[in-house]
Amino acid sequence: MPRASTAEHIARVLRDRIICGEIPADRALRQDQVAQEFDSSHVPVREAFQRLQSQGLVVTLPRRGVRVAPLDLASIREAVEIRAALEGLALRSAAPQMTERDVAALEAAQRQCNSAESLEAWDAANRAFHFALVAPCGMPRLLSMLDSLQLANSRVVFAAGRTTGWRPRSNHDHQLIIDALKAGDTVRATSLLNRHIGTMERVGFPTVEKLGDAAARP
């Protein structure tokens, strides 16, 4: 495996910090501070910021510089609606191409979701499930967009975990999607997927409310 570039390493570390909430929404990212932390020049830091911006995790604002992207209801709703449309498109293309090996990958990810004992483990398994679900579509640009949208999903998952605590999650929707694909019913699988993704908005709304209440307290 090729060694990651300095920019890739910086982007990956910052990405993980943003997703888990260690770096909160709207926090400024200072180029000089990041360069000092990673013992790097400013060039790979700027490239890392560009990568994070392409993933929807940071924004560049006039006179405010680079900041962590907001985590509010409007941004959650936007990510949910775009992801539902694109992941449904990918699944409709992927389903006819699925092999027994692809279905086995889905079932393995589902077992990992069911056995997860931490939020981090569940999120990793959930991301693996959704990647396995659409990977056979064979459309790299679409898969790249979905990967970025999945990061937005993970931000909401971790934010909810911070406000309510970790509890094992029901993965019943995953199993229903697998069953529909095994039965060759792509229409049902896509409908189930759309409903499943929509639950993220219902999770996100109370999460954003609680985070807002916490920020308003003196």
N, C-alpha and C. Protein backbone atom coordinates (compact mmCIF):
# COMPACT_ATOMS: atom_id res chain seq x y z
N MET A 1 0.84 -1.19 0.00
CA MET A 1 0.00 0.00 0.00
C MET A 1 0.88 1.24 0.00
N PRO A 2 0.63 2.22 -0.92
CA PRO A 2 1.46 3.41 -0.95
C PRO A 2 1.29 4.25 0.30
N ARG A 3 2.38 4.90 0.70
CA ARG A 3 2.34 5.74 1.88
C ARG A 3 1.53 7.00 1.60
N ALA A 4 0.69 7.38 2.58
CA ALA A 4 -0.14 8.55 2.40
C ALA A 4 0.72 9.80 2.37
N SER A 5 0.35 10.76 1.55
CA SER A 5 1.05 12.03 1.50
C SER A 5 0.79 12.81 2.79
N THR A 6 1.61 13.84 3.01
CA THR A 6 1.42 14.67 4.20
C THR A 6 0.03 15.30 4.20
N ALA A 7 -0.42 15.78 3.04
CA ALA A 7 -1.76 16.38 2.95
C ALA A 7 -2.84 15.36 3.28
N GLU A 8 -2.70 14.14 2.77
CA GLU A 8 -3.69 13.10 3.05
C GLU A 8 -3.73 12.78 4.54
N HIS A 9 -2.55 12.72 5.16
CA HIS A 9 -2.48 12.41 6.59
C HIS A 9 -3.15 13.52 7.41
N ILE A 10 -2.83 14.77 7.09
CA ILE A 10 -3.43 15.88 7.82
C ILE A 10 -4.95 15.88 7.63
N ALA A 11 -5.40 15.70 6.40
CA ALA A 11 -6.84 15.69 6.12
C ALA A 11 -7.54 14.57 6.87
N ARG A 12 -6.92 13.39 6.92
CA ARG A 12 -7.55 12.25 7.59
C ARG A 12 -7.67 12.50 9.10
N VAL A 13 -6.61 13.04 9.71
CA VAL A 13 -6.65 13.31 11.15
C VAL A 13 -7.70 14.37 11.47
N LEU A 14 -7.70 15.46 10.71
CA LEU A 14 -8.69 16.52 10.95
C LEU A 14 -10.11 16.02 10.68
N ARG A 15 -10.26 15.20 9.63
CA ARG A 15 -11.57 14.63 9.31
C ARG A 15 -12.11 13.85 10.50
N ASP A 16 -11.27 12.99 11.07
CA ASP A 16 -11.73 12.16 12.19
C ASP A 16 -12.08 13.02 13.40
N ARG A 17 -11.32 14.07 13.63
CA ARG A 17 -11.61 14.97 14.76
C ARG A 17 -12.93 15.71 14.55
N ILE A 18 -13.20 16.12 13.31
CA ILE A 18 -14.44 16.82 13.02
C ILE A 18 -15.63 15.88 13.17
N ILE A 19 -15.50 14.68 12.64
CA ILE A 19 -16.61 13.72 12.68
C ILE A 19 -16.99 13.36 14.11
N CYS A 20 -15.99 13.14 14.96
CA CYS A 20 -16.30 12.73 16.34
C CYS A 20 -16.64 13.92 17.22
N GLY A 21 -16.51 15.15 16.70
CA GLY A 21 -16.88 16.32 17.47
C GLY A 21 -15.76 16.93 18.29
N GLU A 22 -14.57 16.36 18.18
CA GLU A 22 -13.43 16.94 18.90
C GLU A 22 -13.17 18.37 18.44
N ILE A 23 -13.37 18.61 17.14
CA ILE A 23 -13.35 19.97 16.60
C ILE A 23 -14.80 20.30 16.25
N PRO A 24 -15.43 21.19 17.00
CA PRO A 24 -16.88 21.42 16.81
C PRO A 24 -17.20 22.27 15.59
N ALA A 25 -18.47 22.28 15.25
CA ALA A 25 -18.95 23.09 14.14
C ALA A 25 -18.61 24.55 14.35
N ASP A 26 -18.25 25.22 13.27
CA ASP A 26 -17.93 26.65 13.21
C ASP A 26 -16.58 26.99 13.85
N ARG A 27 -15.83 26.01 14.30
CA ARG A 27 -14.50 26.28 14.85
C ARG A 27 -13.55 26.65 13.72
N ALA A 28 -12.76 27.69 13.92
CA ALA A 28 -11.80 28.12 12.91
C ALA A 28 -10.62 27.15 12.86
N LEU A 29 -10.14 26.88 11.65
CA LEU A 29 -8.94 26.07 11.45
C LEU A 29 -7.84 27.01 10.95
N ARG A 30 -6.83 27.23 11.77
CA ARG A 30 -5.76 28.16 11.44
C ARG A 30 -4.63 27.43 10.73
N GLN A 31 -4.31 27.92 9.56
CA GLN A 31 -3.30 27.25 8.73
C GLN A 31 -1.96 27.14 9.45
N ASP A 32 -1.53 28.22 10.13
CA ASP A 32 -0.24 28.19 10.79
C ASP A 32 -0.23 27.22 11.98
N GLN A 33 -1.35 27.16 12.71
CA GLN A 33 -1.43 26.25 13.85
C GLN A 33 -1.39 24.79 13.40
N VAL A 34 -2.13 24.49 12.33
CA VAL A 34 -2.15 23.11 11.82
C VAL A 34 -0.77 22.74 11.28
N ALA A 35 -0.13 23.66 10.57
CA ALA A 35 1.21 23.38 10.04
C ALA A 35 2.19 23.11 11.17
N GLN A 36 2.08 23.88 12.26
CA GLN A 36 2.98 23.67 13.39
C GLN A 36 2.73 22.32 14.05
N GLU A 37 1.44 21.96 14.22
CA GLU A 37 1.13 20.68 14.87
C GLU A 37 1.70 19.50 14.10
N PHE A 38 1.60 19.56 12.77
CA PHE A 38 2.02 18.43 11.95
C PHE A 38 3.44 18.61 11.40
N ASP A 39 4.14 19.64 11.90
CA ASP A 39 5.51 19.89 11.47
C ASP A 39 5.59 19.91 9.94
N SER A 40 4.74 20.75 9.37
CA SER A 40 4.57 20.78 7.92
C SER A 40 4.66 22.21 7.42
N SER A 41 4.90 22.34 6.13
CA SER A 41 4.78 23.65 5.49
C SER A 41 3.30 23.96 5.27
N HIS A 42 3.00 25.16 4.80
CA HIS A 42 1.61 25.55 4.58
C HIS A 42 1.00 24.90 3.35
N VAL A 43 1.82 24.46 2.41
CA VAL A 43 1.29 23.91 1.17
C VAL A 43 0.44 22.66 1.40
N PRO A 44 0.94 21.63 2.10
CA PRO A 44 0.07 20.46 2.33
C PRO A 44 -1.12 20.77 3.23
N VAL A 45 -1.00 21.77 4.10
CA VAL A 45 -2.14 22.15 4.93
C VAL A 45 -3.25 22.72 4.07
N ARG A 46 -2.88 23.60 3.13
CA ARG A 46 -3.89 24.15 2.21
C ARG A 46 -4.54 23.03 1.40
N GLU A 47 -3.73 22.05 0.97
CA GLU A 47 -4.28 20.93 0.20
C GLU A 47 -5.22 20.10 1.07
N ALA A 48 -4.85 19.92 2.34
CA ALA A 48 -5.70 19.17 3.27
C ALA A 48 -7.03 19.89 3.46
N PHE A 49 -6.99 21.23 3.60
CA PHE A 49 -8.22 22.00 3.73
C PHE A 49 -9.10 21.85 2.49
N GLN A 50 -8.48 21.82 1.32
CA GLN A 50 -9.24 21.64 0.08
C GLN A 50 -9.93 20.28 0.06
N ARG A 51 -9.23 19.26 0.53
CA ARG A 51 -9.82 17.92 0.59
C ARG A 51 -11.03 17.91 1.53
N LEU A 52 -10.85 18.53 2.70
CA LEU A 52 -11.94 18.58 3.67
C LEU A 52 -13.13 19.38 3.14
N GLN A 53 -12.85 20.43 2.39
CA GLN A 53 -13.93 21.22 1.81
C GLN A 53 -14.69 20.41 0.77
N SER A 54 -13.97 19.64 -0.02
CA SER A 54 -14.63 18.81 -1.04
C SER A 54 -15.50 17.73 -0.39
N GLN A 55 -15.18 17.37 0.87
CA GLN A 55 -15.96 16.37 1.59
C GLN A 55 -17.10 17.02 2.39
N GLY A 56 -17.21 18.33 2.30
CA GLY A 56 -18.29 19.02 2.99
C GLY A 56 -18.06 19.20 4.48
N LEU A 57 -16.82 19.02 4.95
CA LEU A 57 -16.54 19.11 6.38
C LEU A 57 -16.07 20.48 6.81
N VAL A 58 -15.54 21.27 5.90
CA VAL A 58 -15.15 22.64 6.22
C VAL A 58 -15.69 23.57 5.14
N VAL A 59 -15.76 24.84 5.50
CA VAL A 59 -16.17 25.88 4.54
C VAL A 59 -15.17 27.02 4.63
N THR A 60 -15.02 27.74 3.54
CA THR A 60 -14.17 28.93 3.52
C THR A 60 -15.07 30.15 3.38
N LEU A 61 -15.00 31.04 4.37
CA LEU A 61 -15.89 32.20 4.42
C LEU A 61 -15.09 33.49 4.29
N PRO A 62 -15.63 34.47 3.58
CA PRO A 62 -14.95 35.76 3.46
C PRO A 62 -14.68 36.38 4.83
N ARG A 63 -13.45 36.79 5.05
CA ARG A 63 -12.99 37.46 6.27
C ARG A 63 -13.05 36.57 7.50
N ARG A 64 -13.50 35.33 7.35
CA ARG A 64 -13.55 34.41 8.51
C ARG A 64 -12.65 33.20 8.30
N GLY A 65 -12.17 33.01 7.09
CA GLY A 65 -11.24 31.93 6.82
C GLY A 65 -11.89 30.56 6.77
N VAL A 66 -11.10 29.53 7.04
CA VAL A 66 -11.57 28.14 6.99
C VAL A 66 -12.17 27.77 8.34
N ARG A 67 -13.40 27.26 8.29
CA ARG A 67 -14.08 26.89 9.53
C ARG A 67 -14.76 25.54 9.33
N VAL A 68 -14.99 24.85 10.42
CA VAL A 68 -15.71 23.58 10.37
C VAL A 68 -17.14 23.84 9.91
N ALA A 69 -17.63 23.03 9.00
CA ALA A 69 -18.98 23.22 8.44
C ALA A 69 -20.04 23.13 9.53
N PRO A 70 -21.13 23.86 9.36
CA PRO A 70 -22.19 23.84 10.38
C PRO A 70 -22.84 22.47 10.50
N LEU A 71 -23.37 22.21 11.68
CA LEU A 71 -24.16 21.01 11.92
C LEU A 71 -25.51 21.48 12.44
N ASP A 72 -26.37 21.87 11.51
CA ASP A 72 -27.69 22.38 11.87
C ASP A 72 -28.74 21.60 11.08
N LEU A 73 -29.99 21.87 11.39
CA LEU A 73 -31.06 21.08 10.77
C LEU A 73 -31.07 21.25 9.26
N ALA A 74 -30.81 22.47 8.79
CA ALA A 74 -30.84 22.70 7.34
C ALA A 74 -29.76 21.89 6.64
N SER A 75 -28.55 21.85 7.22
CA SER A 75 -27.47 21.09 6.58
C SER A 75 -27.72 19.59 6.67
N ILE A 76 -28.32 19.14 7.78
CA ILE A 76 -28.65 17.72 7.92
C ILE A 76 -29.71 17.32 6.89
N ARG A 77 -30.75 18.16 6.77
CA ARG A 77 -31.83 17.85 5.82
C ARG A 77 -31.28 17.81 4.39
N GLU A 78 -30.42 18.76 4.05
CA GLU A 78 -29.84 18.80 2.72
C GLU A 78 -29.05 17.53 2.44
N ALA A 79 -28.20 17.13 3.40
CA ALA A 79 -27.37 15.93 3.22
C ALA A 79 -28.23 14.69 3.09
N VAL A 80 -29.30 14.60 3.89
CA VAL A 80 -30.19 13.44 3.85
C VAL A 80 -30.88 13.34 2.49
N GLU A 81 -31.41 14.45 1.98
CA GLU A 81 -32.14 14.41 0.73
C GLU A 81 -31.23 14.09 -0.45
N ILE A 82 -30.04 14.69 -0.46
CA ILE A 82 -29.10 14.39 -1.56
C ILE A 82 -28.63 12.95 -1.48
N ARG A 83 -28.31 12.50 -0.26
CA ARG A 83 -27.82 11.13 -0.12
C ARG A 83 -28.88 10.12 -0.51
N ALA A 84 -30.13 10.35 -0.12
CA ALA A 84 -31.20 9.42 -0.47
C ALA A 84 -31.33 9.29 -1.98
N ALA A 85 -31.25 10.42 -2.67
CA ALA A 85 -31.38 10.39 -4.13
C ALA A 85 -30.20 9.68 -4.77
N LEU A 86 -28.99 10.01 -4.34
CA LEU A 86 -27.80 9.45 -4.98
C LEU A 86 -27.56 7.98 -4.60
N GLU A 87 -27.80 7.65 -3.33
CA GLU A 87 -27.57 6.26 -2.93
C GLU A 87 -28.63 5.35 -3.55
N GLY A 88 -29.85 5.87 -3.71
CA GLY A 88 -30.87 5.10 -4.41
C GLY A 88 -30.49 4.85 -5.86
N LEU A 89 -29.96 5.89 -6.51
CA LEU A 89 -29.48 5.74 -7.89
C LEU A 89 -28.37 4.69 -7.96
N ALA A 90 -27.43 4.77 -7.02
CA ALA A 90 -26.32 3.82 -7.02
C ALA A 90 -26.80 2.39 -6.78
N LEU A 91 -27.76 2.23 -5.88
CA LEU A 91 -28.27 0.89 -5.59
C LEU A 91 -29.00 0.30 -6.79
N ARG A 92 -29.77 1.12 -7.49
CA ARG A 92 -30.48 0.60 -8.66
C ARG A 92 -29.50 0.12 -9.73
N SER A 93 -28.34 0.76 -9.81
CA SER A 93 -27.32 0.32 -10.77
C SER A 93 -26.52 -0.85 -10.23
N ALA A 94 -26.34 -0.88 -8.89
CA ALA A 94 -25.51 -1.92 -8.29
C ALA A 94 -26.22 -3.27 -8.19
N ALA A 95 -27.53 -3.23 -7.90
CA ALA A 95 -28.25 -4.47 -7.61
C ALA A 95 -28.12 -5.53 -8.71
N PRO A 96 -28.29 -5.18 -9.99
CA PRO A 96 -28.17 -6.21 -11.03
C PRO A 96 -26.76 -6.79 -11.16
N GLN A 97 -25.76 -6.06 -10.63
CA GLN A 97 -24.37 -6.50 -10.75
C GLN A 97 -23.91 -7.30 -9.53
N MET A 98 -24.74 -7.40 -8.50
CA MET A 98 -24.31 -8.01 -7.25
C MET A 98 -24.08 -9.51 -7.40
N THR A 99 -22.99 -9.95 -6.81
CA THR A 99 -22.65 -11.37 -6.79
C THR A 99 -22.87 -11.91 -5.38
N GLU A 100 -22.70 -13.20 -5.24
CA GLU A 100 -22.80 -13.80 -3.90
C GLU A 100 -21.75 -13.20 -2.96
N ARG A 101 -20.61 -12.88 -3.51
CA ARG A 101 -19.55 -12.27 -2.69
C ARG A 101 -19.97 -10.89 -2.19
N ASP A 102 -20.65 -10.12 -3.03
CA ASP A 102 -21.13 -8.81 -2.62
C ASP A 102 -22.17 -8.93 -1.50
N VAL A 103 -23.08 -9.88 -1.65
CA VAL A 103 -24.09 -10.10 -0.61
C VAL A 103 -23.43 -10.56 0.68
N ALA A 104 -22.40 -11.38 0.57
CA ALA A 104 -21.68 -11.84 1.76
C ALA A 104 -21.02 -10.66 2.47
N ALA A 105 -20.52 -9.68 1.70
CA ALA A 105 -19.91 -8.49 2.31
C ALA A 105 -20.96 -7.69 3.07
N LEU A 106 -22.16 -7.59 2.51
CA LEU A 106 -23.25 -6.91 3.20
C LEU A 106 -23.60 -7.62 4.50
N GLU A 107 -23.69 -8.93 4.45
CA GLU A 107 -24.05 -9.69 5.64
C GLU A 107 -22.95 -9.61 6.70
N ALA A 108 -21.70 -9.57 6.27
CA ALA A 108 -20.60 -9.44 7.23
C ALA A 108 -20.65 -8.09 7.93
N ALA A 109 -20.91 -7.03 7.16
CA ALA A 109 -21.03 -5.70 7.75
C ALA A 109 -22.22 -5.62 8.70
N GLN A 110 -23.30 -6.30 8.33
CA GLN A 110 -24.48 -6.33 9.19
C GLN A 110 -24.17 -7.03 10.51
N ARG A 111 -23.43 -8.12 10.47
CA ARG A 111 -23.05 -8.81 11.71
C ARG A 111 -22.18 -7.91 12.58
N GLN A 112 -21.29 -7.15 11.95
CA GLN A 112 -20.43 -6.24 12.71
C GLN A 112 -21.26 -5.14 13.37
N CYS A 113 -22.28 -4.65 12.66
CA CYS A 113 -23.18 -3.66 13.26
C CYS A 113 -23.87 -4.25 14.49
N ASN A 114 -24.35 -5.48 14.35
CA ASN A 114 -25.09 -6.12 15.45
C ASN A 114 -24.22 -6.39 16.66
N SER A 115 -22.93 -6.65 16.44
CA SER A 115 -22.04 -7.00 17.54
C SER A 115 -21.25 -5.82 18.09
N ALA A 116 -21.45 -4.64 17.50
CA ALA A 116 -20.69 -3.46 17.92
C ALA A 116 -20.96 -3.13 19.38
N GLU A 117 -19.90 -2.83 20.09
CA GLU A 117 -20.02 -2.48 21.51
C GLU A 117 -19.62 -1.04 21.79
N SER A 118 -19.40 -0.28 20.74
CA SER A 118 -19.08 1.13 20.89
C SER A 118 -19.62 1.88 19.69
N LEU A 119 -19.77 3.17 19.87
CA LEU A 119 -20.25 4.01 18.78
C LEU A 119 -19.28 3.99 17.60
N GLU A 120 -17.98 4.02 17.91
CA GLU A 120 -16.98 4.00 16.86
C GLU A 120 -17.06 2.72 16.03
N ALA A 121 -17.23 1.59 16.72
CA ALA A 121 -17.31 0.31 16.01
C ALA A 121 -18.57 0.23 15.17
N TRP A 122 -19.69 0.72 15.73
CA TRP A 122 -20.94 0.67 14.96
C TRP A 122 -20.86 1.56 13.73
N ASP A 123 -20.31 2.77 13.89
CA ASP A 123 -20.24 3.68 12.75
C ASP A 123 -19.37 3.11 11.65
N ALA A 124 -18.24 2.51 12.02
CA ALA A 124 -17.36 1.90 11.02
C ALA A 124 -18.08 0.78 10.28
N ALA A 125 -18.83 -0.05 11.02
CA ALA A 125 -19.55 -1.16 10.39
C ALA A 125 -20.69 -0.63 9.52
N ASN A 126 -21.36 0.42 9.97
CA ASN A 126 -22.44 1.01 9.19
C ASN A 126 -21.91 1.59 7.88
N ARG A 127 -20.78 2.26 7.94
CA ARG A 127 -20.18 2.80 6.72
C ARG A 127 -19.78 1.66 5.77
N ALA A 128 -19.27 0.56 6.34
CA ALA A 128 -18.90 -0.59 5.52
C ALA A 128 -20.12 -1.19 4.84
N PHE A 129 -21.25 -1.23 5.55
CA PHE A 129 -22.48 -1.76 4.97
C PHE A 129 -22.91 -0.93 3.77
N HIS A 130 -22.95 0.38 3.97
CA HIS A 130 -23.44 1.24 2.89
C HIS A 130 -22.47 1.28 1.71
N PHE A 131 -21.18 1.14 1.97
CA PHE A 131 -20.22 1.05 0.86
C PHE A 131 -20.45 -0.24 0.07
N ALA A 132 -20.60 -1.35 0.79
CA ALA A 132 -20.81 -2.64 0.12
C ALA A 132 -22.12 -2.63 -0.68
N LEU A 133 -23.09 -1.86 -0.20
CA LEU A 133 -24.39 -1.81 -0.86
C LEU A 133 -24.31 -1.20 -2.26
N VAL A 134 -23.44 -0.22 -2.44
CA VAL A 134 -23.41 0.52 -3.70
C VAL A 134 -22.16 0.30 -4.53
N ALA A 135 -21.13 -0.31 -3.95
CA ALA A 135 -19.86 -0.48 -4.66
C ALA A 135 -20.00 -1.13 -6.04
N PRO A 136 -20.89 -2.14 -6.21
CA PRO A 136 -20.98 -2.78 -7.52
C PRO A 136 -21.52 -1.88 -8.64
N CYS A 137 -21.97 -0.67 -8.31
CA CYS A 137 -22.51 0.19 -9.36
C CYS A 137 -21.43 0.60 -10.36
N GLY A 138 -20.17 0.59 -9.92
CA GLY A 138 -19.06 0.87 -10.83
C GLY A 138 -19.00 2.30 -11.33
N MET A 139 -19.49 3.27 -10.53
CA MET A 139 -19.45 4.68 -10.92
C MET A 139 -18.60 5.45 -9.90
N PRO A 140 -17.31 5.63 -10.19
CA PRO A 140 -16.39 6.21 -9.20
C PRO A 140 -16.79 7.58 -8.69
N ARG A 141 -17.24 8.47 -9.57
CA ARG A 141 -17.60 9.82 -9.11
C ARG A 141 -18.81 9.78 -8.19
N LEU A 142 -19.76 8.94 -8.50
CA LEU A 142 -20.94 8.79 -7.65
C LEU A 142 -20.54 8.22 -6.29
N LEU A 143 -19.66 7.24 -6.29
CA LEU A 143 -19.21 6.64 -5.03
C LEU A 143 -18.44 7.64 -4.19
N SER A 144 -17.67 8.51 -4.85
CA SER A 144 -16.93 9.54 -4.11
C SER A 144 -17.88 10.52 -3.45
N MET A 145 -18.93 10.91 -4.15
CA MET A 145 -19.92 11.82 -3.57
C MET A 145 -20.64 11.17 -2.39
N LEU A 146 -20.95 9.89 -2.53
CA LEU A 146 -21.64 9.18 -1.45
C LEU A 146 -20.74 9.03 -0.23
N ASP A 147 -19.44 8.86 -0.47
CA ASP A 147 -18.50 8.76 0.65
C ASP A 147 -18.52 10.05 1.47
N SER A 148 -18.54 11.19 0.79
CA SER A 148 -18.60 12.48 1.49
C SER A 148 -19.90 12.63 2.26
N LEU A 149 -21.00 12.22 1.66
CA LEU A 149 -22.29 12.31 2.34
C LEU A 149 -22.36 11.37 3.53
N GLN A 150 -21.67 10.25 3.45
CA GLN A 150 -21.64 9.33 4.58
C GLN A 150 -20.89 9.94 5.76
N LEU A 151 -19.89 10.78 5.47
CA LEU A 151 -19.17 11.48 6.54
C LEU A 151 -20.12 12.41 7.29
N ALA A 152 -21.01 13.07 6.53
CA ALA A 152 -22.00 13.94 7.17
C ALA A 152 -22.92 13.11 8.08
N ASN A 153 -23.28 11.93 7.63
CA ASN A 153 -24.08 11.01 8.43
C ASN A 153 -23.36 10.67 9.73
N SER A 154 -22.06 10.38 9.62
CA SER A 154 -21.28 10.01 10.79
C SER A 154 -21.21 11.16 11.80
N ARG A 155 -21.12 12.39 11.31
CA ARG A 155 -21.12 13.54 12.22
C ARG A 155 -22.38 13.57 13.07
N VAL A 156 -23.52 13.31 12.45
CA VAL A 156 -24.78 13.31 13.19
C VAL A 156 -24.81 12.16 14.19
N VAL A 157 -24.33 10.99 13.78
CA VAL A 157 -24.30 9.83 14.67
C VAL A 157 -23.49 10.13 15.92
N PHE A 158 -22.31 10.71 15.74
CA PHE A 158 -21.45 11.00 16.88
C PHE A 158 -22.03 12.13 17.74
N ALA A 159 -22.65 13.13 17.10
CA ALA A 159 -23.28 14.20 17.86
C ALA A 159 -24.42 13.65 18.72
N ALA A 160 -25.21 12.74 18.14
CA ALA A 160 -26.30 12.12 18.90
C ALA A 160 -25.74 11.30 20.05
N GLY A 161 -24.62 10.62 19.82
CA GLY A 161 -23.99 9.85 20.87
C GLY A 161 -23.52 10.71 22.02
N ARG A 162 -23.05 11.93 21.70
CA ARG A 162 -22.58 12.83 22.75
C ARG A 162 -23.74 13.36 23.59
N THR A 163 -24.91 13.50 22.99
CA THR A 163 -26.05 14.08 23.71
C THR A 163 -26.89 13.02 24.44
N THR A 164 -26.91 11.81 23.93
CA THR A 164 -27.77 10.77 24.52
C THR A 164 -27.00 9.59 25.08
N GLY A 165 -25.70 9.52 24.77
CA GLY A 165 -24.92 8.36 25.20
C GLY A 165 -25.04 7.23 24.19
N TRP A 166 -24.07 6.32 24.22
CA TRP A 166 -24.07 5.20 23.29
C TRP A 166 -25.07 4.15 23.73
N ARG A 167 -25.90 3.75 22.80
CA ARG A 167 -26.81 2.62 23.00
C ARG A 167 -26.75 1.75 21.75
N PRO A 168 -26.74 0.42 21.91
CA PRO A 168 -26.75 -0.43 20.72
C PRO A 168 -27.91 -0.06 19.81
N ARG A 169 -27.66 -0.01 18.52
CA ARG A 169 -28.66 0.44 17.57
C ARG A 169 -29.33 -0.73 16.85
N SER A 170 -30.58 -0.53 16.52
CA SER A 170 -31.29 -1.53 15.74
C SER A 170 -30.82 -1.46 14.29
N ASN A 171 -30.48 -2.62 13.74
CA ASN A 171 -30.04 -2.69 12.35
C ASN A 171 -31.05 -3.45 11.50
N HIS A 172 -32.32 -3.39 11.94
CA HIS A 172 -33.37 -4.14 11.25
C HIS A 172 -33.51 -3.70 9.80
N ASP A 173 -33.38 -2.40 9.54
CA ASP A 173 -33.50 -1.91 8.17
C ASP A 173 -32.46 -2.54 7.26
N HIS A 174 -31.24 -2.68 7.77
CA HIS A 174 -30.18 -3.31 6.98
C HIS A 174 -30.60 -4.71 6.53
N GLN A 175 -31.16 -5.47 7.48
CA GLN A 175 -31.52 -6.85 7.16
C GLN A 175 -32.65 -6.90 6.15
N LEU A 176 -33.60 -5.97 6.27
CA LEU A 176 -34.70 -5.93 5.30
C LEU A 176 -34.17 -5.62 3.90
N ILE A 177 -33.20 -4.74 3.80
CA ILE A 177 -32.61 -4.41 2.49
C ILE A 177 -31.90 -5.63 1.92
N ILE A 178 -31.15 -6.33 2.75
CA ILE A 178 -30.46 -7.55 2.29
C ILE A 178 -31.47 -8.57 1.79
N ASP A 179 -32.54 -8.77 2.56
CA ASP A 179 -33.56 -9.75 2.18
C ASP A 179 -34.20 -9.39 0.83
N ALA A 180 -34.47 -8.09 0.62
CA ALA A 180 -35.07 -7.66 -0.64
C ALA A 180 -34.11 -7.91 -1.80
N LEU A 181 -32.84 -7.64 -1.61
CA LEU A 181 -31.86 -7.88 -2.67
C LEU A 181 -31.73 -9.37 -2.97
N LYS A 182 -31.75 -10.20 -1.95
CA LYS A 182 -31.68 -11.65 -2.16
C LYS A 182 -32.89 -12.15 -2.95
N ALA A 183 -34.02 -11.48 -2.74
CA ALA A 183 -35.25 -11.87 -3.45
C ALA A 183 -35.31 -11.26 -4.85
N GLY A 184 -34.30 -10.47 -5.20
CA GLY A 184 -34.28 -9.84 -6.51
C GLY A 184 -35.23 -8.67 -6.65
N ASP A 185 -35.67 -8.11 -5.53
CA ASP A 185 -36.64 -7.01 -5.55
C ASP A 185 -35.90 -5.68 -5.34
N THR A 186 -35.36 -5.15 -6.41
CA THR A 186 -34.59 -3.90 -6.33
C THR A 186 -35.47 -2.72 -5.94
N VAL A 187 -36.71 -2.70 -6.43
CA VAL A 187 -37.62 -1.60 -6.11
C VAL A 187 -37.85 -1.53 -4.60
N ARG A 188 -38.12 -2.68 -3.99
CA ARG A 188 -38.34 -2.70 -2.54
C ARG A 188 -37.06 -2.33 -1.79
N ALA A 189 -35.93 -2.86 -2.23
CA ALA A 189 -34.66 -2.56 -1.57
C ALA A 189 -34.38 -1.06 -1.60
N THR A 190 -34.65 -0.42 -2.75
CA THR A 190 -34.42 1.01 -2.87
C THR A 190 -35.38 1.81 -2.00
N SER A 191 -36.63 1.38 -1.94
CA SER A 191 -37.61 2.04 -1.08
C SER A 191 -37.21 1.94 0.39
N LEU A 192 -36.77 0.76 0.80
CA LEU A 192 -36.32 0.56 2.18
C LEU A 192 -35.10 1.42 2.49
N LEU A 193 -34.20 1.51 1.53
CA LEU A 193 -33.00 2.33 1.72
C LEU A 193 -33.37 3.79 1.90
N ASN A 194 -34.29 4.28 1.08
CA ASN A 194 -34.72 5.67 1.16
C ASN A 194 -35.33 5.96 2.53
N ARG A 195 -36.15 5.05 3.01
CA ARG A 195 -36.75 5.22 4.34
C ARG A 195 -35.68 5.19 5.43
N HIS A 196 -34.73 4.28 5.27
CA HIS A 196 -33.66 4.13 6.26
C HIS A 196 -32.82 5.40 6.35
N ILE A 197 -32.45 5.96 5.21
CA ILE A 197 -31.65 7.19 5.22
C ILE A 197 -32.45 8.34 5.84
N GLY A 198 -33.76 8.35 5.61
CA GLY A 198 -34.60 9.40 6.16
C GLY A 198 -34.63 9.44 7.67
N THR A 199 -34.32 8.32 8.32
CA THR A 199 -34.31 8.33 9.78
C THR A 199 -33.23 9.25 10.33
N MET A 200 -32.19 9.55 9.52
CA MET A 200 -31.11 10.40 10.00
C MET A 200 -31.62 11.81 10.29
N GLU A 201 -32.60 12.28 9.52
CA GLU A 201 -33.16 13.61 9.80
C GLU A 201 -33.90 13.61 11.13
N ARG A 202 -34.59 12.51 11.43
CA ARG A 202 -35.32 12.44 12.71
C ARG A 202 -34.35 12.34 13.88
N VAL A 203 -33.20 11.71 13.66
CA VAL A 203 -32.17 11.68 14.69
C VAL A 203 -31.52 13.04 14.83
N GLY A 204 -31.30 13.70 13.69
CA GLY A 204 -30.57 14.96 13.69
C GLY A 204 -31.31 16.09 14.35
N PHE A 205 -32.64 16.15 14.21
CA PHE A 205 -33.39 17.29 14.74
C PHE A 205 -33.25 17.41 16.25
N PRO A 206 -33.55 16.35 17.04
CA PRO A 206 -33.38 16.51 18.49
C PRO A 206 -31.92 16.71 18.88
N THR A 207 -31.00 16.14 18.10
CA THR A 207 -29.58 16.33 18.40
C THR A 207 -29.20 17.79 18.28
N VAL A 208 -29.60 18.44 17.19
CA VAL A 208 -29.29 19.85 16.98
C VAL A 208 -29.95 20.70 18.06
N GLU A 209 -31.18 20.36 18.44
CA GLU A 209 -31.85 21.11 19.50
C GLU A 209 -31.08 21.03 20.81
N LYS A 210 -30.62 19.84 21.16
CA LYS A 210 -29.89 19.68 22.42
C LYS A 210 -28.54 20.38 22.38
N LEU A 211 -27.87 20.31 21.24
CA LEU A 211 -26.59 21.00 21.12
C LEU A 211 -26.80 22.50 21.22
N GLY A 212 -27.88 23.01 20.61
CA GLY A 212 -28.18 24.43 20.71
C GLY A 212 -28.49 24.87 22.12
N ASP A 213 -29.25 24.04 22.84
CA ASP A 213 -29.56 24.36 24.23
C ASP A 213 -28.30 24.39 25.09
N ALA A 214 -27.40 23.44 24.84
CA ALA A 214 -26.16 23.38 25.62
C ALA A 214 -25.29 24.60 25.35
N ALA A 215 -25.26 25.05 24.08
CA ALA A 215 -24.44 26.21 23.73
C ALA A 215 -25.02 27.48 24.33
N ALA A 216 -26.33 27.52 24.53
CA ALA A 216 -26.98 28.73 25.04
C ALA A 216 -26.84 28.86 26.55
N ARG A 217 -26.53 27.76 27.24
CA ARG A 217 -26.41 27.83 28.70
C ARG A 217 -25.13 28.57 29.07
N PRO A 218 -25.19 29.44 30.10
CA PRO A 218 -24.00 30.19 30.51
C PRO A 218 -22.97 29.28 31.15
